[in-house]
Amino acid sequence: MIKKYSKYIIPICLVLLLGTQIFDYFVNGEFDITVIAMACFLTPVGIKGLNPQYGDSEQFKFLSKALLFIGLIFLSISIYITFIG
């Protein structure tokens, strides 16, 4: 029973992460860019968990690399803002 629902855990957590950040942005006018970077890093894993057949396609590989690049940019900006700026 647990194995049946385990593929939904990461996508649900990603939706909750992004939902709380959107809510925080509308309420306080700010959001945590580190959480957005983490969502970028985990999105390919969530997609592959839901549909494993997508893992071998060229579009998925491009999406994974693009989200990794975007996540690294967001993480770099977050580190710069936190420690330098």
PDB file of N, CA and C in Angstrom:
ATOM      1  N   MET A   1       0.825  -1.192   0.000  1.00  0.00           N
ATOM      2  CA  MET A   1       0.000   0.000   0.000  1.00  0.00           C
ATOM      3  C   MET A   1       0.871   1.259   0.000  1.00  0.00           C
ATOM      4  N   ILE A   2       1.917   1.273   0.822  1.00  0.00           N
ATOM      5  CA  ILE A   2       2.800   2.430   0.884  1.00  0.00           C
ATOM      6  C   ILE A   2       3.528   2.609  -0.443  1.00  0.00           C
ATOM      7  N   LYS A   3       3.969   1.505  -1.049  1.00  0.00           N
ATOM      8  CA  LYS A   3       4.683   1.587  -2.316  1.00  0.00           C
ATOM      9  C   LYS A   3       3.797   2.164  -3.416  1.00  0.00           C
ATOM     10  N   LYS A   4       2.503   1.917  -3.318  1.00  0.00           N
ATOM     11  CA  LYS A   4       1.562   2.417  -4.317  1.00  0.00           C
ATOM     12  C   LYS A   4       1.515   3.947  -4.312  1.00  0.00           C
ATOM     13  N   TYR A   5       1.619   4.560  -3.162  1.00  0.00           N
ATOM     14  CA  TYR A   5       1.516   6.008  -3.036  1.00  0.00           C
ATOM     15  C   TYR A   5       2.868   6.707  -2.926  1.00  0.00           C
ATOM     16  N   SER A   6       3.962   5.968  -2.881  1.00  0.00           N
ATOM     17  CA  SER A   6       5.265   6.590  -2.686  1.00  0.00           C
ATOM     18  C   SER A   6       5.709   7.433  -3.873  1.00  0.00           C
ATOM     19  N   LYS A   7       5.201   7.155  -5.065  1.00  0.00           N
ATOM     20  CA  LYS A   7       5.597   7.953  -6.223  1.00  0.00           C
ATOM     21  C   LYS A   7       4.964   9.343  -6.203  1.00  0.00           C
ATOM     22  N   TYR A   8       3.973   9.560  -5.358  1.00  0.00           N
ATOM     23  CA  TYR A   8       3.317  10.857  -5.265  1.00  0.00           C
ATOM     24  C   TYR A   8       3.925  11.772  -4.205  1.00  0.00           C
ATOM     25  N   ILE A   9       4.847  11.268  -3.385  1.00  0.00           N
ATOM     26  CA  ILE A   9       5.371  12.043  -2.269  1.00  0.00           C
ATOM     27  C   ILE A   9       6.160  13.258  -2.755  1.00  0.00           C
ATOM     28  N   ILE A  10       7.121  13.072  -3.667  1.00  0.00           N
ATOM     29  CA  ILE A  10       7.940  14.186  -4.123  1.00  0.00           C
ATOM     30  C   ILE A  10       7.112  15.226  -4.876  1.00  0.00           C
ATOM     31  N   PRO A  11       6.235  14.845  -5.815  1.00  0.00           N
ATOM     32  CA  PRO A  11       5.429  15.892  -6.470  1.00  0.00           C
ATOM     33  C   PRO A  11       4.533  16.674  -5.510  1.00  0.00           C
ATOM     34  N   ILE A  12       3.967  16.005  -4.507  1.00  0.00           N
ATOM     35  CA  ILE A  12       3.132  16.707  -3.529  1.00  0.00           C
ATOM     36  C   ILE A  12       3.974  17.672  -2.709  1.00  0.00           C
ATOM     37  N   CYS A  13       5.170  17.245  -2.320  1.00  0.00           N
ATOM     38  CA  CYS A  13       6.059  18.139  -1.572  1.00  0.00           C
ATOM     39  C   CYS A  13       6.486  19.336  -2.418  1.00  0.00           C
ATOM     40  N   LEU A  14       6.735  19.121  -3.709  1.00  0.00           N
ATOM     41  CA  LEU A  14       7.095  20.229  -4.585  1.00  0.00           C
ATOM     42  C   LEU A  14       5.954  21.235  -4.713  1.00  0.00           C
ATOM     43  N   VAL A  15       4.743  20.737  -4.851  1.00  0.00           N
ATOM     44  CA  VAL A  15       3.592  21.638  -4.932  1.00  0.00           C
ATOM     45  C   VAL A  15       3.434  22.412  -3.628  1.00  0.00           C
ATOM     46  N   LEU A  16       3.644  21.747  -2.495  1.00  0.00           N
ATOM     47  CA  LEU A  16       3.562  22.441  -1.203  1.00  0.00           C
ATOM     48  C   LEU A  16       4.661  23.491  -1.060  1.00  0.00           C
ATOM     49  N   LEU A  17       5.885  23.156  -1.482  1.00  0.00           N
ATOM     50  CA  LEU A  17       6.980  24.125  -1.420  1.00  0.00           C
ATOM     51  C   LEU A  17       6.672  25.362  -2.253  1.00  0.00           C
ATOM     52  N   LEU A  18       6.269  25.150  -3.487  1.00  0.00           N
ATOM     53  CA  LEU A  18       5.972  26.277  -4.357  1.00  0.00           C
ATOM     54  C   LEU A  18       4.728  27.034  -3.891  1.00  0.00           C
ATOM     55  N   GLY A  19       3.750  26.313  -3.383  1.00  0.00           N
ATOM     56  CA  GLY A  19       2.542  26.960  -2.872  1.00  0.00           C
ATOM     57  C   GLY A  19       2.826  27.852  -1.676  1.00  0.00           C
ATOM     58  N   THR A  20       3.650  27.378  -0.748  1.00  0.00           N
ATOM     59  CA  THR A  20       3.980  28.209   0.407  1.00  0.00           C
ATOM     60  C   THR A  20       4.800  29.432   0.002  1.00  0.00           C
ATOM     61  N   GLN A  21       5.651  29.294  -1.002  1.00  0.00           N
ATOM     62  CA  GLN A  21       6.434  30.442  -1.456  1.00  0.00           C
ATOM     63  C   GLN A  21       5.561  31.475  -2.158  1.00  0.00           C
ATOM     64  N   ILE A  22       4.603  31.016  -2.950  1.00  0.00           N
ATOM     65  CA  ILE A  22       3.672  31.943  -3.605  1.00  0.00           C
ATOM     66  C   ILE A  22       2.807  32.645  -2.559  1.00  0.00           C
ATOM     67  N   PHE A  23       2.335  31.893  -1.568  1.00  0.00           N
ATOM     68  CA  PHE A  23       1.543  32.482  -0.492  1.00  0.00           C
ATOM     69  C   PHE A  23       2.364  33.510   0.281  1.00  0.00           C
ATOM     70  N   ASP A  24       3.605  33.169   0.602  1.00  0.00           N
ATOM     71  CA  ASP A  24       4.477  34.087   1.326  1.00  0.00           C
ATOM     72  C   ASP A  24       4.750  35.350   0.516  1.00  0.00           C
ATOM     73  N   TYR A  25       4.871  35.190  -0.796  1.00  0.00           N
ATOM     74  CA  TYR A  25       5.098  36.362  -1.634  1.00  0.00           C
ATOM     75  C   TYR A  25       3.897  37.301  -1.621  1.00  0.00           C
ATOM     76  N   PHE A  26       2.689  36.750  -1.688  1.00  0.00           N
ATOM     77  CA  PHE A  26       1.503  37.602  -1.690  1.00  0.00           C
ATOM     78  C   PHE A  26       1.214  38.204  -0.315  1.00  0.00           C
ATOM     79  N   VAL A  27       1.568  37.498   0.757  1.00  0.00           N
ATOM     80  CA  VAL A  27       1.300  38.007   2.097  1.00  0.00           C
ATOM     81  C   VAL A  27       2.377  38.992   2.546  1.00  0.00           C
ATOM     82  N   ASN A  28       3.650  38.604   2.411  1.00  0.00           N
ATOM     83  CA  ASN A  28       4.751  39.412   2.939  1.00  0.00           C
ATOM     84  C   ASN A  28       5.526  40.178   1.871  1.00  0.00           C
ATOM     85  N   GLY A  29       5.337  39.842   0.615  1.00  0.00           N
ATOM     86  CA  GLY A  29       6.077  40.511  -0.442  1.00  0.00           C
ATOM     87  C   GLY A  29       7.479  39.994  -0.625  1.00  0.00           C
ATOM     88  N   GLU A  30       7.789  38.839  -0.062  1.00  0.00           N
ATOM     89  CA  GLU A  30       9.125  38.263  -0.206  1.00  0.00           C
ATOM     90  C   GLU A  30       9.014  36.745  -0.288  1.00  0.00           C
ATOM     91  N   PHE A  31      10.049  36.125  -0.829  1.00  0.00           N
ATOM     92  CA  PHE A  31      10.088  34.667  -0.912  1.00  0.00           C
ATOM     93  C   PHE A  31      11.532  34.217  -0.733  1.00  0.00           C
ATOM     94  N   ASP A  32      11.700  32.944  -0.433  1.00  0.00           N
ATOM     95  CA  ASP A  32      13.027  32.375  -0.219  1.00  0.00           C
ATOM     96  C   ASP A  32      13.502  31.748  -1.524  1.00  0.00           C
ATOM     97  N   ILE A  33      14.519  32.339  -2.115  1.00  0.00           N
ATOM     98  CA  ILE A  33      14.996  31.877  -3.412  1.00  0.00           C
ATOM     99  C   ILE A  33      15.683  30.511  -3.297  1.00  0.00           C
ATOM    100  N   THR A  34      16.148  30.153  -2.099  1.00  0.00           N
ATOM    101  CA  THR A  34      16.763  28.840  -1.900  1.00  0.00           C
ATOM    102  C   THR A  34      15.723  27.730  -2.060  1.00  0.00           C
ATOM    103  N   VAL A  35      14.510  27.965  -1.620  1.00  0.00           N
ATOM    104  CA  VAL A  35      13.447  26.974  -1.766  1.00  0.00           C
ATOM    105  C   VAL A  35      13.078  26.815  -3.240  1.00  0.00           C
ATOM    106  N   ILE A  36      13.083  27.915  -3.980  1.00  0.00           N
ATOM    107  CA  ILE A  36      12.813  27.843  -5.414  1.00  0.00           C
ATOM    108  C   ILE A  36      13.911  27.046  -6.113  1.00  0.00           C
ATOM    109  N   ALA A  37      15.169  27.241  -5.707  1.00  0.00           N
ATOM    110  CA  ALA A  37      16.277  26.467  -6.276  1.00  0.00           C
ATOM    111  C   ALA A  37      16.115  24.984  -5.961  1.00  0.00           C
ATOM    112  N   MET A  38      15.712  24.675  -4.738  1.00  0.00           N
ATOM    113  CA  MET A  38      15.500  23.283  -4.359  1.00  0.00           C
ATOM    114  C   MET A  38      14.380  22.659  -5.183  1.00  0.00           C
ATOM    115  N   ALA A  39      13.331  23.424  -5.454  1.00  0.00           N
ATOM    116  CA  ALA A  39      12.243  22.924  -6.292  1.00  0.00           C
ATOM    117  C   ALA A  39      12.739  22.656  -7.709  1.00  0.00           C
ATOM    118  N   CYS A  40      13.622  23.512  -8.213  1.00  0.00           N
ATOM    119  CA  CYS A  40      14.200  23.275  -9.544  1.00  0.00           C
ATOM    120  C   CYS A  40      15.028  21.990  -9.563  1.00  0.00           C
ATOM    121  N   PHE A  41      15.764  21.748  -8.494  1.00  0.00           N
ATOM    122  CA  PHE A  41      16.583  20.536  -8.434  1.00  0.00           C
ATOM    123  C   PHE A  41      15.733  19.273  -8.341  1.00  0.00           C
ATOM    124  N   LEU A  42      14.617  19.336  -7.647  1.00  0.00           N
ATOM    125  CA  LEU A  42      13.807  18.140  -7.398  1.00  0.00           C
ATOM    126  C   LEU A  42      12.724  17.876  -8.443  1.00  0.00           C
ATOM    127  N   THR A  43      12.431  18.838  -9.293  1.00  0.00           N
ATOM    128  CA  THR A  43      11.374  18.656 -10.286  1.00  0.00           C
ATOM    129  C   THR A  43      11.629  17.480 -11.234  1.00  0.00           C
ATOM    130  N   PRO A  44      12.841  17.294 -11.790  1.00  0.00           N
ATOM    131  CA  PRO A  44      13.053  16.120 -12.653  1.00  0.00           C
ATOM    132  C   PRO A  44      12.841  14.792 -11.928  1.00  0.00           C
ATOM    133  N   VAL A  45      13.207  14.735 -10.667  1.00  0.00           N
ATOM    134  CA  VAL A  45      13.014  13.507  -9.893  1.00  0.00           C
ATOM    135  C   VAL A  45      11.521  13.228  -9.709  1.00  0.00           C
ATOM    136  N   GLY A  46      10.746  14.282  -9.459  1.00  0.00           N
ATOM    137  CA  GLY A  46       9.304  14.113  -9.310  1.00  0.00           C
ATOM    138  C   GLY A  46       8.632  13.669 -10.601  1.00  0.00           C
ATOM    139  N   ILE A  47       9.077  14.247 -11.729  1.00  0.00           N
ATOM    140  CA  ILE A  47       8.510  13.853 -13.019  1.00  0.00           C
ATOM    141  C   ILE A  47       8.858  12.409 -13.336  1.00  0.00           C
ATOM    142  N   LYS A  48      10.110  12.049 -13.095  1.00  0.00           N
ATOM    143  CA  LYS A  48      10.541  10.675 -13.374  1.00  0.00           C
ATOM    144  C   LYS A  48       9.853   9.677 -12.440  1.00  0.00           C
ATOM    145  N   GLY A  49       9.555  10.105 -11.221  1.00  0.00           N
ATOM    146  CA  GLY A  49       8.840   9.230 -10.293  1.00  0.00           C
ATOM    147  C   GLY A  49       7.411   8.969 -10.725  1.00  0.00           C
ATOM    148  N   LEU A  50       6.771   9.981 -11.291  1.00  0.00           N
ATOM    149  CA  LEU A  50       5.394   9.806 -11.750  1.00  0.00           C
ATOM    150  C   LEU A  50       5.322   8.985 -13.036  1.00  0.00           C
ATOM    151  N   ASN A  51       6.214   9.277 -13.984  1.00  0.00           N
ATOM    152  CA  ASN A  51       6.217   8.584 -15.272  1.00  0.00           C
ATOM    153  C   ASN A  51       7.641   8.166 -15.624  1.00  0.00           C
ATOM    154  N   PRO A  52       8.053   6.968 -15.241  1.00  0.00           N
ATOM    155  CA  PRO A  52       9.433   6.538 -15.493  1.00  0.00           C
ATOM    156  C   PRO A  52       9.797   6.453 -16.973  1.00  0.00           C
ATOM    157  N   GLN A  53       8.832   6.298 -17.852  1.00  0.00           N
ATOM    158  CA  GLN A  53       9.147   6.188 -19.272  1.00  0.00           C
ATOM    159  C   GLN A  53       9.649   7.524 -19.841  1.00  0.00           C
ATOM    160  N   TYR A  54       9.396   8.632 -19.160  1.00  0.00           N
ATOM    161  CA  TYR A  54       9.888   9.925 -19.628  1.00  0.00           C
ATOM    162  C   TYR A  54      11.388  10.082 -19.409  1.00  0.00           C
ATOM    163  N   GLY A  55      11.971   9.271 -18.562  1.00  0.00           N
ATOM    164  CA  GLY A  55      13.373   9.411 -18.205  1.00  0.00           C
ATOM    165  C   GLY A  55      14.348   9.220 -19.345  1.00  0.00           C
ATOM    166  N   ASP A  56      13.965   8.514 -20.386  1.00  0.00           N
ATOM    167  CA  ASP A  56      14.876   8.235 -21.490  1.00  0.00           C
ATOM    168  C   ASP A  56      14.708   9.193 -22.670  1.00  0.00           C
ATOM    169  N   SER A  57      13.730  10.069 -22.641  1.00  0.00           N
ATOM    170  CA  SER A  57      13.476  10.948 -23.785  1.00  0.00           C
ATOM    171  C   SER A  57      14.470  12.109 -23.806  1.00  0.00           C
ATOM    172  N   GLU A  58      14.698  12.640 -24.986  1.00  0.00           N
ATOM    173  CA  GLU A  58      15.621  13.763 -25.148  1.00  0.00           C
ATOM    174  C   GLU A  58      15.058  15.032 -24.505  1.00  0.00           C
ATOM    175  N   GLN A  59      13.749  15.218 -24.568  1.00  0.00           N
ATOM    176  CA  GLN A  59      13.145  16.401 -23.964  1.00  0.00           C
ATOM    177  C   GLN A  59      13.329  16.400 -22.455  1.00  0.00           C
ATOM    178  N   PHE A  60      13.207  15.221 -21.844  1.00  0.00           N
ATOM    179  CA  PHE A  60      13.387  15.130 -20.398  1.00  0.00           C
ATOM    180  C   PHE A  60      14.831  15.419 -20.012  1.00  0.00           C
ATOM    181  N   LYS A  61      15.772  14.920 -20.794  1.00  0.00           N
ATOM    182  CA  LYS A  61      17.184  15.189 -20.508  1.00  0.00           C
ATOM    183  C   LYS A  61      17.485  16.680 -20.634  1.00  0.00           C
ATOM    184  N   PHE A  62      16.905  17.324 -21.654  1.00  0.00           N
ATOM    185  CA  PHE A  62      17.087  18.769 -21.804  1.00  0.00           C
ATOM    186  C   PHE A  62      16.455  19.519 -20.640  1.00  0.00           C
ATOM    187  N   LEU A  63      15.240  19.114 -20.242  1.00  0.00           N
ATOM    188  CA  LEU A  63      14.559  19.748 -19.118  1.00  0.00           C
ATOM    189  C   LEU A  63      15.357  19.579 -17.829  1.00  0.00           C
ATOM    190  N   SER A  64      15.917  18.404 -17.613  1.00  0.00           N
ATOM    191  CA  SER A  64      16.719  18.161 -16.416  1.00  0.00           C
ATOM    192  C   SER A  64      17.933  19.072 -16.371  1.00  0.00           C
ATOM    193  N   LYS A  65      18.615  19.193 -17.502  1.00  0.00           N
ATOM    194  CA  LYS A  65      19.797  20.059 -17.550  1.00  0.00           C
ATOM    195  C   LYS A  65      19.415  21.527 -17.392  1.00  0.00           C
ATOM    196  N   ALA A  66      18.306  21.934 -18.012  1.00  0.00           N
ATOM    197  CA  ALA A  66      17.865  23.324 -17.894  1.00  0.00           C
ATOM    198  C   ALA A  66      17.486  23.664 -16.455  1.00  0.00           C
ATOM    199  N   LEU A  67      16.749  22.772 -15.794  1.00  0.00           N
ATOM    200  CA  LEU A  67      16.365  23.024 -14.405  1.00  0.00           C
ATOM    201  C   LEU A  67      17.576  22.990 -13.473  1.00  0.00           C
ATOM    202  N   LEU A  68      18.557  22.152 -13.771  1.00  0.00           N
ATOM    203  CA  LEU A  68      19.788  22.153 -12.985  1.00  0.00           C
ATOM    204  C   LEU A  68      20.507  23.483 -13.128  1.00  0.00           C
ATOM    205  N   PHE A  69      20.591  23.994 -14.344  1.00  0.00           N
ATOM    206  CA  PHE A  69      21.243  25.274 -14.596  1.00  0.00           C
ATOM    207  C   PHE A  69      20.492  26.415 -13.896  1.00  0.00           C
ATOM    208  N   ILE A  70      19.162  26.431 -14.021  1.00  0.00           N
ATOM    209  CA  ILE A  70      18.361  27.466 -13.367  1.00  0.00           C
ATOM    210  C   ILE A  70      18.491  27.373 -11.845  1.00  0.00           C
ATOM    211  N   GLY A  71      18.475  26.150 -11.314  1.00  0.00           N
ATOM    212  CA  GLY A  71      18.637  25.962  -9.871  1.00  0.00           C
ATOM    213  C   GLY A  71      19.992  26.433  -9.381  1.00  0.00           C
ATOM    214  N   LEU A  72      21.039  26.189 -10.158  1.00  0.00           N
ATOM    215  CA  LEU A  72      22.372  26.663  -9.775  1.00  0.00           C
ATOM    216  C   LEU A  72      22.451  28.184  -9.789  1.00  0.00           C
ATOM    217  N   ILE A  73      21.793  28.803 -10.754  1.00  0.00           N
ATOM    218  CA  ILE A  73      21.759  30.268 -10.790  1.00  0.00           C
ATOM    219  C   ILE A  73      21.034  30.808  -9.554  1.00  0.00           C
ATOM    220  N   PHE A  74      19.869  30.234  -9.248  1.00  0.00           N
ATOM    221  CA  PHE A  74      19.123  30.679  -8.066  1.00  0.00           C
ATOM    222  C   PHE A  74      19.919  30.450  -6.784  1.00  0.00           C
ATOM    223  N   LEU A  75      20.596  29.324  -6.696  1.00  0.00           N
ATOM    224  CA  LEU A  75      21.389  29.034  -5.503  1.00  0.00           C
ATOM    225  C   LEU A  75      22.563  29.993  -5.381  1.00  0.00           C
ATOM    226  N   SER A  76      23.198  30.316  -6.490  1.00  0.00           N
ATOM    227  CA  SER A  76      24.302  31.277  -6.478  1.00  0.00           C
ATOM    228  C   SER A  76      23.820  32.653  -6.035  1.00  0.00           C
ATOM    229  N   ILE A  77      22.664  33.068  -6.542  1.00  0.00           N
ATOM    230  CA  ILE A  77      22.102  34.360  -6.131  1.00  0.00           C
ATOM    231  C   ILE A  77      21.773  34.343  -4.642  1.00  0.00           C
ATOM    232  N   SER A  78      21.231  33.240  -4.168  1.00  0.00           N
ATOM    233  CA  SER A  78      20.886  33.118  -2.750  1.00  0.00           C
ATOM    234  C   SER A  78      22.123  33.197  -1.867  1.00  0.00           C
ATOM    235  N   ILE A  79      23.177  32.513  -2.263  1.00  0.00           N
ATOM    236  CA  ILE A  79      24.421  32.554  -1.484  1.00  0.00           C
ATOM    237  C   ILE A  79      25.005  33.955  -1.514  1.00  0.00           C
ATOM    238  N   TYR A  80      24.955  34.605  -2.661  1.00  0.00           N
ATOM    239  CA  TYR A  80      25.475  35.968  -2.757  1.00  0.00           C
ATOM    240  C   TYR A  80      24.690  36.922  -1.844  1.00  0.00           C
ATOM    241  N   ILE A  81      23.367  36.826  -1.891  1.00  0.00           N
ATOM    242  CA  ILE A  81      22.542  37.719  -1.073  1.00  0.00           C
ATOM    243  C   ILE A  81      22.741  37.445   0.419  1.00  0.00           C
ATOM    244  N   THR A  82      22.852  36.168   0.780  1.00  0.00           N
ATOM    245  CA  THR A  82      22.957  35.814   2.193  1.00  0.00           C
ATOM    246  C   THR A  82      24.314  36.183   2.787  1.00  0.00           C
ATOM    247  N   PHE A  83      25.392  35.893   2.096  1.00  0.00           N
ATOM    248  CA  PHE A  83      26.707  36.045   2.696  1.00  0.00           C
ATOM    249  C   PHE A  83      27.461  37.293   2.250  1.00  0.00           C
ATOM    250  N   ILE A  84      27.211  37.787   1.066  1.00  0.00           N
ATOM    251  CA  ILE A  84      27.981  38.921   0.569  1.00  0.00           C
ATOM    252  C   ILE A  84      27.155  40.211   0.580  1.00  0.00           C
ATOM    253  N   GLY A  85      25.939  40.120   0.047  1.00  0.00           N
ATOM    254  CA  GLY A  85      25.118  41.327  -0.090  1.00  0.00           C
ATOM    255  C   GLY A  85      24.348  41.568   1.102  1.00  0.00           C
TER     256      GLY A  85
END
